[in-house]
C-alpha atoms as a PDB file:
ATOM      1  CA  MET A   1      61.363  -7.912 -72.801  1.00  0.00           C
ATOM      2  CA  GLN A   2      62.548 -10.311 -75.495  1.00  0.00           C
ATOM      3  CA  ALA A   3      59.322  -9.589 -77.613  1.00  0.00           C
ATOM      4  CA  VAL A   4      61.128  -6.247 -78.490  1.00  0.00           C
ATOM      5  CA  PRO A   5      63.243  -6.972 -81.559  1.00  0.00           C
ATOM      6  CA  ALA A   6      66.212  -4.845 -80.175  1.00  0.00           C
ATOM      7  CA  PHE A   7      66.015  -6.852 -76.894  1.00  0.00           C
ATOM      8  CA  ARG A   8      65.749 -10.463 -78.319  1.00  0.00           C
ATOM      9  CA  ASN A   9      68.864 -11.571 -76.836  1.00  0.00           C
ATOM     10  CA  VAL A  10      68.598  -9.735 -73.518  1.00  0.00           C
ATOM     11  CA  HIS A  11      69.191 -11.291 -70.265  1.00  0.00           C
ATOM     12  CA  ILE A  12      67.940  -9.903 -66.931  1.00  0.00           C
ATOM     13  CA  PHE A  13      70.511 -10.679 -64.129  1.00  0.00           C
ATOM     14  CA  ARG A  14      68.836  -8.676 -61.618  1.00  0.00           C
ATOM     15  CA  PRO A  15      65.495  -6.785 -61.409  1.00  0.00           C
ATOM     16  CA  GLY A  16      65.959  -3.233 -60.433  1.00  0.00           C
ATOM     17  CA  TYR A  17      63.838  -0.314 -59.170  1.00  0.00           C
ATOM     18  CA  ALA A  18      64.741   3.291 -58.752  1.00  0.00           C
ATOM     19  CA  ILE A  19      63.228   6.731 -58.631  1.00  0.00           C
ATOM     20  CA  GLU A  20      65.077   9.886 -59.025  1.00  0.00           C
ATOM     21  CA  TYR A  21      63.622  13.517 -58.647  1.00  0.00           C
ATOM     22  CA  ASP A  22      64.778  16.888 -57.706  1.00  0.00           C
ATOM     23  CA  PHE A  23      64.054  18.594 -54.457  1.00  0.00           C
ATOM     24  CA  PHE A  24      64.468  21.821 -52.553  1.00  0.00           C
ATOM     25  CA  ASP A  25      66.286  21.742 -49.339  1.00  0.00           C
ATOM     26  CA  PRO A  26      63.398  21.648 -46.963  1.00  0.00           C
ATOM     27  CA  ARG A  27      65.265  23.638 -44.217  1.00  0.00           C
ATOM     28  CA  GLN A  28      64.339  26.775 -46.182  1.00  0.00           C
ATOM     29  CA  LEU A  29      60.655  26.245 -45.172  1.00  0.00           C
ATOM     30  CA  ASN A  30      58.685  27.459 -42.181  1.00  0.00           C
ATOM     31  CA  PRO A  31      56.764  24.952 -39.981  1.00  0.00           C
ATOM     32  CA  THR A  32      53.646  25.877 -42.019  1.00  0.00           C
ATOM     33  CA  LEU A  33      55.611  24.596 -45.023  1.00  0.00           C
ATOM     34  CA  GLU A  34      55.572  28.137 -46.504  1.00  0.00           C
ATOM     35  CA  THR A  35      58.754  29.061 -48.097  1.00  0.00           C
ATOM     36  CA  LYS A  36      60.792  31.706 -46.264  1.00  0.00           C
ATOM     37  CA  ARG A  37      62.004  33.466 -49.425  1.00  0.00           C
ATOM     38  CA  VAL A  38      58.744  33.593 -51.234  1.00  0.00           C
ATOM     39  CA  LYS A  39      55.529  34.515 -49.525  1.00  0.00           C
ATOM     40  CA  ASN A  40      52.362  32.519 -50.003  1.00  0.00           C
ATOM     41  CA  LEU A  41      54.501  29.832 -51.823  1.00  0.00           C
ATOM     42  CA  PHE A  42      53.949  26.527 -50.195  1.00  0.00           C
ATOM     43  CA  PHE A  43      55.947  23.254 -50.838  1.00  0.00           C
ATOM     44  CA  ALA A  44      54.457  19.656 -50.019  1.00  0.00           C
ATOM     45  CA  GLY A  45      55.504  16.145 -51.124  1.00  0.00           C
ATOM     46  CA  GLN A  46      58.672  14.994 -52.991  1.00  0.00           C
ATOM     47  CA  ILE A  47      59.782  18.497 -53.677  1.00  0.00           C
ATOM     48  CA  ASN A  48      60.595  18.546 -49.982  1.00  0.00           C
ATOM     49  CA  GLY A  49      62.754  15.332 -50.361  1.00  0.00           C
ATOM     50  CA  THR A  50      60.312  12.847 -49.032  1.00  0.00           C
ATOM     51  CA  THR A  51      58.925   9.645 -50.677  1.00  0.00           C
ATOM     52  CA  GLY A  52      55.608   7.691 -49.875  1.00  0.00           C
ATOM     53  CA  TYR A  53      51.911   8.544 -50.388  1.00  0.00           C
ATOM     54  CA  GLU A  54      51.235   9.254 -46.665  1.00  0.00           C
ATOM     55  CA  GLU A  55      54.271  11.520 -46.288  1.00  0.00           C
ATOM     56  CA  ALA A  56      53.006  13.642 -49.433  1.00  0.00           C
ATOM     57  CA  GLY A  57      49.447  13.584 -48.107  1.00  0.00           C
ATOM     58  CA  GLY A  58      50.317  14.794 -44.804  1.00  0.00           C
ATOM     59  CA  GLN A  59      52.363  17.708 -45.992  1.00  0.00           C
ATOM     60  CA  GLY A  60      49.478  18.440 -48.509  1.00  0.00           C
ATOM     61  CA  ILE A  61      47.070  18.842 -45.487  1.00  0.00           C
ATOM     62  CA  ILE A  62      49.257  21.182 -43.654  1.00  0.00           C
ATOM     63  CA  ALA A  63      50.370  23.194 -46.562  1.00  0.00           C
ATOM     64  CA  GLY A  64      46.644  23.383 -47.724  1.00  0.00           C
ATOM     65  CA  ILE A  65      45.390  24.523 -44.356  1.00  0.00           C
ATOM     66  CA  ASN A  66      48.091  27.319 -44.000  1.00  0.00           C
ATOM     67  CA  ALA A  67      47.529  28.497 -47.635  1.00  0.00           C
ATOM     68  CA  HIS A  68      43.750  29.015 -46.768  1.00  0.00           C
ATOM     69  CA  ILE A  69      44.742  30.778 -43.643  1.00  0.00           C
ATOM     70  CA  ASN A  70      47.087  33.067 -45.451  1.00  0.00           C
ATOM     71  CA  CYS A  71      44.226  33.990 -47.787  1.00  0.00           C
ATOM     72  CA  HIS A  72      41.397  34.320 -45.294  1.00  0.00           C
ATOM     73  CA  GLY A  73      43.305  35.258 -42.047  1.00  0.00           C
ATOM     74  CA  GLY A  74      44.015  33.274 -38.923  1.00  0.00           C
ATOM     75  CA  ASP A  75      46.827  32.087 -36.880  1.00  0.00           C
ATOM     76  CA  PRO A  76      49.244  29.664 -38.636  1.00  0.00           C
ATOM     77  CA  PHE A  77      48.427  25.976 -38.001  1.00  0.00           C
ATOM     78  CA  THR A  78      51.135  23.577 -36.974  1.00  0.00           C
ATOM     79  CA  LEU A  79      51.461  20.245 -35.227  1.00  0.00           C
ATOM     80  CA  HIS A  80      53.855  19.514 -32.299  1.00  0.00           C
ATOM     81  CA  ARG A  81      56.033  16.360 -32.310  1.00  0.00           C
ATOM     82  CA  ASP A  82      53.778  14.977 -29.521  1.00  0.00           C
ATOM     83  CA  GLU A  83      50.540  15.600 -31.329  1.00  0.00           C
ATOM     84  CA  ALA A  84      50.978  13.829 -34.767  1.00  0.00           C
ATOM     85  CA  TYR A  85      53.468  11.914 -36.978  1.00  0.00           C
ATOM     86  CA  ILE A  86      52.904  14.832 -39.346  1.00  0.00           C
ATOM     87  CA  GLY A  87      54.180  16.925 -36.806  1.00  0.00           C
ATOM     88  CA  VAL A  88      57.526  14.798 -36.499  1.00  0.00           C
ATOM     89  CA  LEU A  89      57.813  14.578 -40.304  1.00  0.00           C
ATOM     90  CA  ILE A  90      57.681  18.404 -40.803  1.00  0.00           C
ATOM     91  CA  ASP A  91      59.821  19.218 -37.827  1.00  0.00           C
ATOM     92  CA  ASP A  92      62.419  16.626 -39.105  1.00  0.00           C
ATOM     93  CA  LEU A  93      62.263  18.199 -42.548  1.00  0.00           C
ATOM     94  CA  ILE A  94      62.708  21.746 -41.670  1.00  0.00           C
ATOM     95  CA  THR A  95      65.199  21.334 -38.711  1.00  0.00           C
ATOM     96  CA  LYS A  96      67.597  18.500 -40.094  1.00  0.00           C
ATOM     97  CA  GLY A  97      67.037  18.620 -43.748  1.00  0.00           C
ATOM     98  CA  VAL A  98      67.509  15.320 -45.793  1.00  0.00           C
ATOM     99  CA  ASP A  99      70.465  13.454 -47.460  1.00  0.00           C
ATOM    100  CA  GLU A 100      68.197  10.692 -48.643  1.00  0.00           C
ATOM    101  CA  PRO A 101      64.653  10.253 -49.516  1.00  0.00           C
ATOM    102  CA  TYR A 102      62.691  10.760 -46.114  1.00  0.00           C
ATOM    103  CA  ARG A 103      60.124   8.174 -45.020  1.00  0.00           C
ATOM    104  CA  MET A 104      58.172   8.474 -41.840  1.00  0.00           C
ATOM    105  CA  PHE A 105      59.245   5.541 -39.659  1.00  0.00           C
ATOM    106  CA  THR A 106      57.664   5.329 -36.284  1.00  0.00           C
ATOM    107  CA  SER A 107      61.222   5.097 -34.771  1.00  0.00           C
ATOM    108  CA  ARG A 108      61.774   8.582 -35.777  1.00  0.00           C
ATOM    109  CA  ALA A 109      59.224   9.784 -32.987  1.00  0.00           C
ATOM    110  CA  GLU A 110      60.340  10.113 -29.493  1.00  0.00           C
ATOM    111  CA  TYR A 111      56.515  10.199 -28.229  1.00  0.00           C
ATOM    112  CA  ARG A 112      55.326   6.929 -29.774  1.00  0.00           C
ATOM    113  CA  ILE A 113      53.229   5.979 -26.549  1.00  0.00           C
ATOM    114  CA  LEU A 114      51.352   9.305 -27.263  1.00  0.00           C
ATOM    115  CA  LEU A 115      51.170   8.799 -30.916  1.00  0.00           C
ATOM    116  CA  ARG A 116      48.948   5.722 -30.919  1.00  0.00           C
ATOM    117  CA  GLN A 117      46.279   4.750 -33.521  1.00  0.00           C
ATOM    118  CA  ASP A 118      43.687   4.244 -30.921  1.00  0.00           C
ATOM    119  CA  ASN A 119      43.786   7.975 -29.847  1.00  0.00           C
ATOM    120  CA  ALA A 120      44.119   9.633 -33.224  1.00  0.00           C
ATOM    121  CA  ASP A 121      40.640  10.992 -32.770  1.00  0.00           C
ATOM    122  CA  GLU A 122      41.339  12.235 -29.354  1.00  0.00           C
ATOM    123  CA  ARG A 123      44.618  14.157 -30.627  1.00  0.00           C
ATOM    124  CA  LEU A 124      43.295  15.658 -33.858  1.00  0.00           C
ATOM    125  CA  THR A 125      39.455  15.819 -34.109  1.00  0.00           C
ATOM    126  CA  ARG A 126      39.262  18.956 -31.914  1.00  0.00           C
ATOM    127  CA  ARG A 127      41.907  20.688 -33.924  1.00  0.00           C
ATOM    128  CA  ALA A 128      40.242  19.759 -37.128  1.00  0.00           C
ATOM    129  CA  TYR A 129      36.905  21.020 -35.687  1.00  0.00           C
ATOM    130  CA  ASP A 130      38.366  24.234 -34.754  1.00  0.00           C
ATOM    131  CA  LEU A 131      39.521  24.802 -38.378  1.00  0.00           C
ATOM    132  CA  GLY A 132      35.940  23.851 -39.688  1.00  0.00           C
ATOM    133  CA  LEU A 133      37.488  20.554 -41.196  1.00  0.00           C
ATOM    134  CA  ALA A 134      35.585  18.179 -38.881  1.00  0.00           C
ATOM    135  CA  THR A 135      31.715  18.238 -38.317  1.00  0.00           C
ATOM    136  CA  SER A 136      29.949  18.767 -35.082  1.00  0.00           C
ATOM    137  CA  GLU A 137      28.687  15.114 -35.449  1.00  0.00           C
ATOM    138  CA  ARG A 138      32.299  13.882 -35.380  1.00  0.00           C
ATOM    139  CA  MET A 139      32.908  15.904 -32.235  1.00  0.00           C
ATOM    140  CA  VAL A 140      29.831  14.344 -30.582  1.00  0.00           C
ATOM    141  CA  LEU A 141      31.014  10.818 -31.580  1.00  0.00           C
ATOM    142  CA  LEU A 142      34.462  11.898 -29.787  1.00  0.00           C
ATOM    143  CA  GLU A 143      32.763  13.256 -26.686  1.00  0.00           C
ATOM    144  CA  GLU A 144      30.626  10.067 -26.405  1.00  0.00           C
ATOM    145  CA  LYS A 145      33.640   7.936 -26.665  1.00  0.00           C
ATOM    146  CA  GLN A 146      35.679  10.010 -24.145  1.00  0.00           C
ATOM    147  CA  LYS A 147      32.613   9.755 -21.714  1.00  0.00           C
ATOM    148  CA  GLU A 148      32.264   6.102 -21.944  1.00  0.00           C
ATOM    149  CA  VAL A 149      35.990   5.449 -21.492  1.00  0.00           C
ATOM    150  CA  GLN A 150      36.263   7.657 -18.375  1.00  0.00           C
ATOM    151  CA  LYS A 151      33.229   5.907 -17.003  1.00  0.00           C
ATOM    152  CA  ILE A 152      34.981   2.586 -17.147  1.00  0.00           C
ATOM    153  CA  ILE A 153      38.260   3.980 -15.742  1.00  0.00           C
ATOM    154  CA  ASP A 154      36.367   5.658 -12.828  1.00  0.00           C
ATOM    155  CA  PHE A 155      34.462   2.398 -12.032  1.00  0.00           C
ATOM    156  CA  VAL A 156      37.577   0.012 -11.969  1.00  0.00           C
ATOM    157  CA  SER A 157      39.539   2.734 -10.029  1.00  0.00           C
ATOM    158  CA  HIS A 158      36.889   2.522  -7.185  1.00  0.00           C
ATOM    159  CA  PHE A 159      35.802  -0.907  -7.277  1.00  0.00           C
ATOM    160  CA  SER A 160      37.411  -3.185  -4.641  1.00  0.00           C
ATOM    161  CA  ILE A 161      37.846  -7.121  -5.123  1.00  0.00           C
ATOM    162  CA  LYS A 162      38.610  -9.506  -2.346  1.00  0.00           C
ATOM    163  CA  ALA A 163      41.476 -11.881  -2.671  1.00  0.00           C
ATOM    164  CA  ASP A 164      39.386 -14.998  -1.761  1.00  0.00           C
ATOM    165  CA  ARG A 165      36.864 -14.028  -4.307  1.00  0.00           C
ATOM    166  CA  ILE A 166      38.905 -13.650  -7.327  1.00  0.00           C
ATOM    167  CA  ASN A 167      41.990 -15.999  -6.608  1.00  0.00           C
ATOM    168  CA  PRO A 168      40.349 -19.094  -7.946  1.00  0.00           C
ATOM    169  CA  TYR A 169      39.724 -17.351 -11.285  1.00  0.00           C
ATOM    170  CA  LEU A 170      43.141 -15.704 -11.380  1.00  0.00           C
ATOM    171  CA  GLU A 171      44.824 -19.331 -10.800  1.00  0.00           C
ATOM    172  CA  ALA A 172      42.618 -20.538 -13.812  1.00  0.00           C
ATOM    173  CA  LEU A 173      44.284 -17.858 -15.962  1.00  0.00           C
ATOM    174  CA  SER A 174      47.689 -18.963 -14.815  1.00  0.00           C
ATOM    175  CA  THR A 175      48.475 -15.503 -13.041  1.00  0.00           C
ATOM    176  CA  ALA A 176      49.537 -14.884  -9.355  1.00  0.00           C
ATOM    177  CA  PRO A 177      46.936 -14.960  -6.722  1.00  0.00           C
ATOM    178  CA  LEU A 178      46.322 -12.014  -4.545  1.00  0.00           C
ATOM    179  CA  LYS A 179      47.495 -11.865  -1.020  1.00  0.00           C
ATOM    180  CA  HIS A 180      44.870  -9.212   0.005  1.00  0.00           C
ATOM    181  CA  GLY A 181      41.987  -7.140  -1.550  1.00  0.00           C
ATOM    182  CA  VAL A 182      42.977  -4.569  -4.346  1.00  0.00           C
ATOM    183  CA  LYS A 183      41.216  -2.227  -6.648  1.00  0.00           C
ATOM    184  CA  LEU A 184      40.110  -3.703  -9.797  1.00  0.00           C
ATOM    185  CA  ILE A 185      42.385  -1.353 -11.819  1.00  0.00           C
ATOM    186  CA  ASP A 186      45.352  -3.016 -10.124  1.00  0.00           C
ATOM    187  CA  LEU A 187      44.478  -6.243 -11.697  1.00  0.00           C
ATOM    188  CA  LEU A 188      43.946  -4.727 -14.917  1.00  0.00           C
ATOM    189  CA  THR A 189      47.547  -3.699 -15.207  1.00  0.00           C
ATOM    190  CA  ARG A 190      48.650  -7.313 -15.286  1.00  0.00           C
ATOM    191  CA  PRO A 191      49.707  -8.753 -18.581  1.00  0.00           C
ATOM    192  CA  HIS A 192      47.125 -11.010 -20.211  1.00  0.00           C
ATOM    193  CA  ILE A 193      44.327  -9.582 -18.165  1.00  0.00           C
ATOM    194  CA  ASP A 194      41.813  -7.024 -19.723  1.00  0.00           C
ATOM    195  CA  LEU A 195      38.272  -5.646 -19.288  1.00  0.00           C
ATOM    196  CA  GLU A 196      36.845  -8.469 -21.242  1.00  0.00           C
ATOM    197  CA  THR A 197      38.609 -11.200 -19.139  1.00  0.00           C
ATOM    198  CA  MET A 198      37.503  -9.671 -15.835  1.00  0.00           C
ATOM    199  CA  ALA A 199      34.040  -8.935 -17.023  1.00  0.00           C
ATOM    200  CA  LYS A 200      33.530 -12.704 -17.304  1.00  0.00           C
ATOM    201  CA  GLU A 201      33.968 -13.011 -13.428  1.00  0.00           C
ATOM    202  CA  VAL A 202      33.075  -9.602 -12.195  1.00  0.00           C
ATOM    203  CA  THR A 203      29.392  -9.195 -12.553  1.00  0.00           C
ATOM    204  CA  PRO A 204      29.273  -5.393 -11.959  1.00  0.00           C
ATOM    205  CA  LEU A 205      32.016  -4.713 -14.687  1.00  0.00           C
ATOM    206  CA  ARG A 206      30.130  -7.044 -16.973  1.00  0.00           C
ATOM    207  CA  GLU A 207      26.834  -4.996 -16.520  1.00  0.00           C
ATOM    208  CA  LEU A 208      28.785  -1.735 -17.013  1.00  0.00           C
ATOM    209  CA  LEU A 209      30.274  -2.983 -20.304  1.00  0.00           C
ATOM    210  CA  SER A 210      26.908  -4.206 -21.484  1.00  0.00           C
ATOM    211  CA  THR A 211      25.416  -0.655 -21.401  1.00  0.00           C
ATOM    212  CA  ILE A 212      27.760   0.454 -24.213  1.00  0.00           C
ATOM    213  CA  LYS A 213      25.688   0.384 -27.094  1.00  0.00           C
ATOM    214  CA  ASN A 214      28.006   1.777 -30.076  1.00  0.00           C
ATOM    215  CA  ARG A 215      31.470   1.374 -30.886  1.00  0.00           C
ATOM    216  CA  ARG A 216      31.933  -0.967 -27.939  1.00  0.00           C
ATOM    217  CA  GLU A 217      35.138  -2.671 -29.043  1.00  0.00           C
ATOM    218  CA  GLU A 218      36.791   0.686 -29.751  1.00  0.00           C
ATOM    219  CA  ILE A 219      35.909   2.000 -26.379  1.00  0.00           C
ATOM    220  CA  ILE A 220      37.051  -1.049 -24.381  1.00  0.00           C
ATOM    221  CA  GLU A 221      40.130  -1.170 -26.174  1.00  0.00           C
ATOM    222  CA  SER A 222      40.866   2.685 -25.409  1.00  0.00           C
ATOM    223  CA  ALA A 223      40.084   2.140 -21.776  1.00  0.00           C
ATOM    224  CA  ASP A 224      42.211  -1.045 -21.621  1.00  0.00           C
ATOM    225  CA  ILE A 225      45.216   0.936 -22.910  1.00  0.00           C
ATOM    226  CA  LYS A 226      44.887   3.893 -20.762  1.00  0.00           C
ATOM    227  CA  ILE A 227      44.585   1.641 -17.712  1.00  0.00           C
ATOM    228  CA  LYS A 228      47.208  -0.695 -18.496  1.00  0.00           C
ATOM    229  CA  TYR A 229      49.944   1.962 -19.719  1.00  0.00           C
ATOM    230  CA  GLU A 230      48.795   4.802 -17.416  1.00  0.00           C
ATOM    231  CA  GLY A 231      52.325   5.372 -15.895  1.00  0.00           C
ATOM    232  CA  TYR A 232      54.112   5.203 -19.215  1.00  0.00           C
ATOM    233  CA  ILE A 233      51.695   7.684 -20.829  1.00  0.00           C
ATOM    234  CA  LYS A 234      51.876  10.074 -17.888  1.00  0.00           C
ATOM    235  CA  ARG A 235      55.769  10.187 -17.892  1.00  0.00           C
ATOM    236  CA  GLU A 236      55.892  10.608 -21.762  1.00  0.00           C
ATOM    237  CA  LYS A 237      53.263  13.490 -21.572  1.00  0.00           C
ATOM    238  CA  LEU A 238      55.320  15.106 -18.829  1.00  0.00           C
ATOM    239  CA  MET A 239      58.340  14.936 -20.908  1.00  0.00           C
ATOM    240  CA  ALA A 240      56.517  16.408 -23.987  1.00  0.00           C
ATOM    241  CA  ASP A 241      55.158  19.305 -21.748  1.00  0.00           C
ATOM    242  CA  LYS A 242      58.557  20.233 -20.705  1.00  0.00           C
ATOM    243  CA  ILE A 243      59.564  20.392 -24.386  1.00  0.00           C
ATOM    244  CA  ASN A 244      56.480  22.282 -25.322  1.00  0.00           C
ATOM    245  CA  ARG A 245      57.294  25.026 -22.753  1.00  0.00           C
ATOM    246  CA  LEU A 246      60.482  25.600 -24.923  1.00  0.00           C
ATOM    247  CA  GLU A 247      58.328  25.584 -28.086  1.00  0.00           C
ATOM    248  CA  GLU A 248      56.703  28.765 -26.576  1.00  0.00           C
ATOM    249  CA  ILE A 249      59.873  30.693 -26.417  1.00  0.00           C
ATOM    250  CA  ARG A 250      60.180  32.194 -29.966  1.00  0.00           C
ATOM    251  CA  ILE A 251      63.560  33.278 -31.196  1.00  0.00           C
ATOM    252  CA  LYS A 252      63.104  33.748 -34.931  1.00  0.00           C
ATOM    253  CA  ASN A 253      64.845  36.907 -36.109  1.00  0.00           C
ATOM    254  CA  LYS A 254      65.774  37.904 -32.611  1.00  0.00           C
ATOM    255  CA  PHE A 255      69.573  37.246 -32.755  1.00  0.00           C
ATOM    256  CA  ASN A 256      72.342  38.024 -35.012  1.00  0.00           C
ATOM    257  CA  TYR A 257      73.817  34.557 -34.392  1.00  0.00           C
ATOM    258  CA  ASN A 258      77.174  35.407 -36.142  1.00  0.00           C
ATOM    259  CA  GLY A 259      77.698  38.052 -33.485  1.00  0.00           C
ATOM    260  CA  ILE A 260      77.237  35.862 -30.506  1.00  0.00           C
ATOM    261  CA  GLN A 261      80.885  34.825 -29.828  1.00  0.00           C
ATOM    262  CA  SER A 262      79.874  32.368 -26.933  1.00  0.00           C
ATOM    263  CA  LEU A 263      78.194  30.144 -29.420  1.00  0.00           C
ATOM    264  CA  SER A 264      80.155  27.349 -31.127  1.00  0.00           C
ATOM    265  CA  THR A 265      81.249  27.967 -34.794  1.00  0.00           C
ATOM    266  CA  GLU A 266      78.907  25.311 -35.936  1.00  0.00           C
ATOM    267  CA  ALA A 267      76.044  26.479 -33.902  1.00  0.00           C
ATOM    268  CA  ARG A 268      76.333  29.970 -35.298  1.00  0.00           C
ATOM    269  CA  GLN A 269      76.480  28.631 -38.875  1.00  0.00           C
ATOM    270  CA  LYS A 270      73.457  26.154 -38.426  1.00  0.00           C
ATOM    271  CA  LEU A 271      71.345  28.737 -36.668  1.00  0.00           C
ATOM    272  CA  THR A 272      71.965  31.414 -39.122  1.00  0.00           C
ATOM    273  CA  SER A 273      71.097  29.035 -41.970  1.00  0.00           C
ATOM    274  CA  ILE A 274      67.961  27.615 -40.446  1.00  0.00           C
ATOM    275  CA  ASN A 275      66.832  30.554 -38.467  1.00  0.00           C
ATOM    276  CA  PRO A 276      64.615  28.420 -35.921  1.00  0.00           C
ATOM    277  CA  GLU A 277      61.235  29.422 -34.821  1.00  0.00           C
ATOM    278  CA  THR A 278      61.786  28.583 -31.217  1.00  0.00           C
ATOM    279  CA  ILE A 279      64.221  27.354 -28.765  1.00  0.00           C
ATOM    280  CA  ALA A 280      62.814  23.872 -28.892  1.00  0.00           C
ATOM    281  CA  GLN A 281      63.455  23.619 -32.684  1.00  0.00           C
ATOM    282  CA  ALA A 282      66.950  25.077 -32.164  1.00  0.00           C
ATOM    283  CA  SER A 283      67.637  22.490 -29.543  1.00  0.00           C
ATOM    284  CA  ARG A 284      67.061  19.673 -32.271  1.00  0.00           C
ATOM    285  CA  ILE A 285      69.289  21.113 -34.942  1.00  0.00           C
ATOM    286  CA  PRO A 286      72.364  18.721 -35.327  1.00  0.00           C
ATOM    287  CA  GLY A 287      75.408  20.572 -34.183  1.00  0.00           C
ATOM    288  CA  VAL A 288      73.770  22.940 -31.656  1.00  0.00           C
ATOM    289  CA  SER A 289      74.537  21.631 -28.267  1.00  0.00           C
ATOM    290  CA  PRO A 290      72.925  22.054 -24.931  1.00  0.00           C
ATOM    291  CA  ASN A 291      75.547  24.757 -23.955  1.00  0.00           C
ATOM    292  CA  ASP A 292      74.552  26.774 -27.007  1.00  0.00           C
ATOM    293  CA  ILE A 293      70.933  26.594 -25.986  1.00  0.00           C
ATOM    294  CA  SER A 294      71.915  27.707 -22.402  1.00  0.00           C
ATOM    295  CA  VAL A 295      73.606  30.670 -24.063  1.00  0.00           C
ATOM    296  CA  LEU A 296      70.447  31.654 -25.931  1.00  0.00           C
ATOM    297  CA  LEU A 297      68.318  31.218 -22.936  1.00  0.00           C
ATOM    298  CA  VAL A 298      70.683  33.563 -21.062  1.00  0.00           C
ATOM    299  CA  LEU A 299      70.478  36.269 -23.601  1.00  0.00           C
ATOM    300  CA  LEU A 300      66.620  35.993 -23.539  1.00  0.00           C
ATOM    301  CA  GLY A 301      66.710  36.547 -19.806  1.00  0.00           C
ATOM    302  CA  ARG A 302      65.427  33.033 -19.112  1.00  0.00           C
END
């Protein structure tokens, strides 16, 4: 900087970095990222109060898909919070708004076990294919992967192993020996034991894994994760399914919230301002209590 004549005596005490930009309150958007006030106008990126390349790109995909649907016909395309981080991001924006530049931290998602990097193809390829955004070749690759993974899970679920046969190997791995025979899948739930480890000692498993010709590492990793975390995955899926049932109860434009005296004052104000699409979205609005949601469900006859 001192090479600039006017700055020849300058001293930098602390390097700084700042970005300033204007944005529109994202609570005035629909889940498709179309504005509520102007039909066929979609907002994506920093204009919605977010910061970051991935955040802008994710919104751009959803806005672009729905802009195309608006022009050519079809059902609106949205992603739930248990389907993708894009779904979490958009739901947070349109439900809670922003008071600082929004970044998509994984901690914002309540279904992190479902939103894993190893199952992104399983969560989203079918959705993309139905929209014409994924080729049939990609669908074939996904189906082949799922078939191979399920084959492994079925095998270890039914293959029994005797204690005296496997205990020397388990002791060599510094893990507790068996007291009686178990299914192979029970061993695979232990820490530090995975399919590749057991394949070294269990010949039928080794032979099965050797038949995987393509994407071997990816398939084995997927099977390992589904086996090891099966209980947690099922529990989180059950929780997500309960919430998704509330996502199916649509309430947009069904109520004059200011006329419902049994709602709290804050709830009436927030519900009127945001005009949520569903009961589930309403339940995530700050200031709307479970009691307020119960009132709405009663009025809906639920």
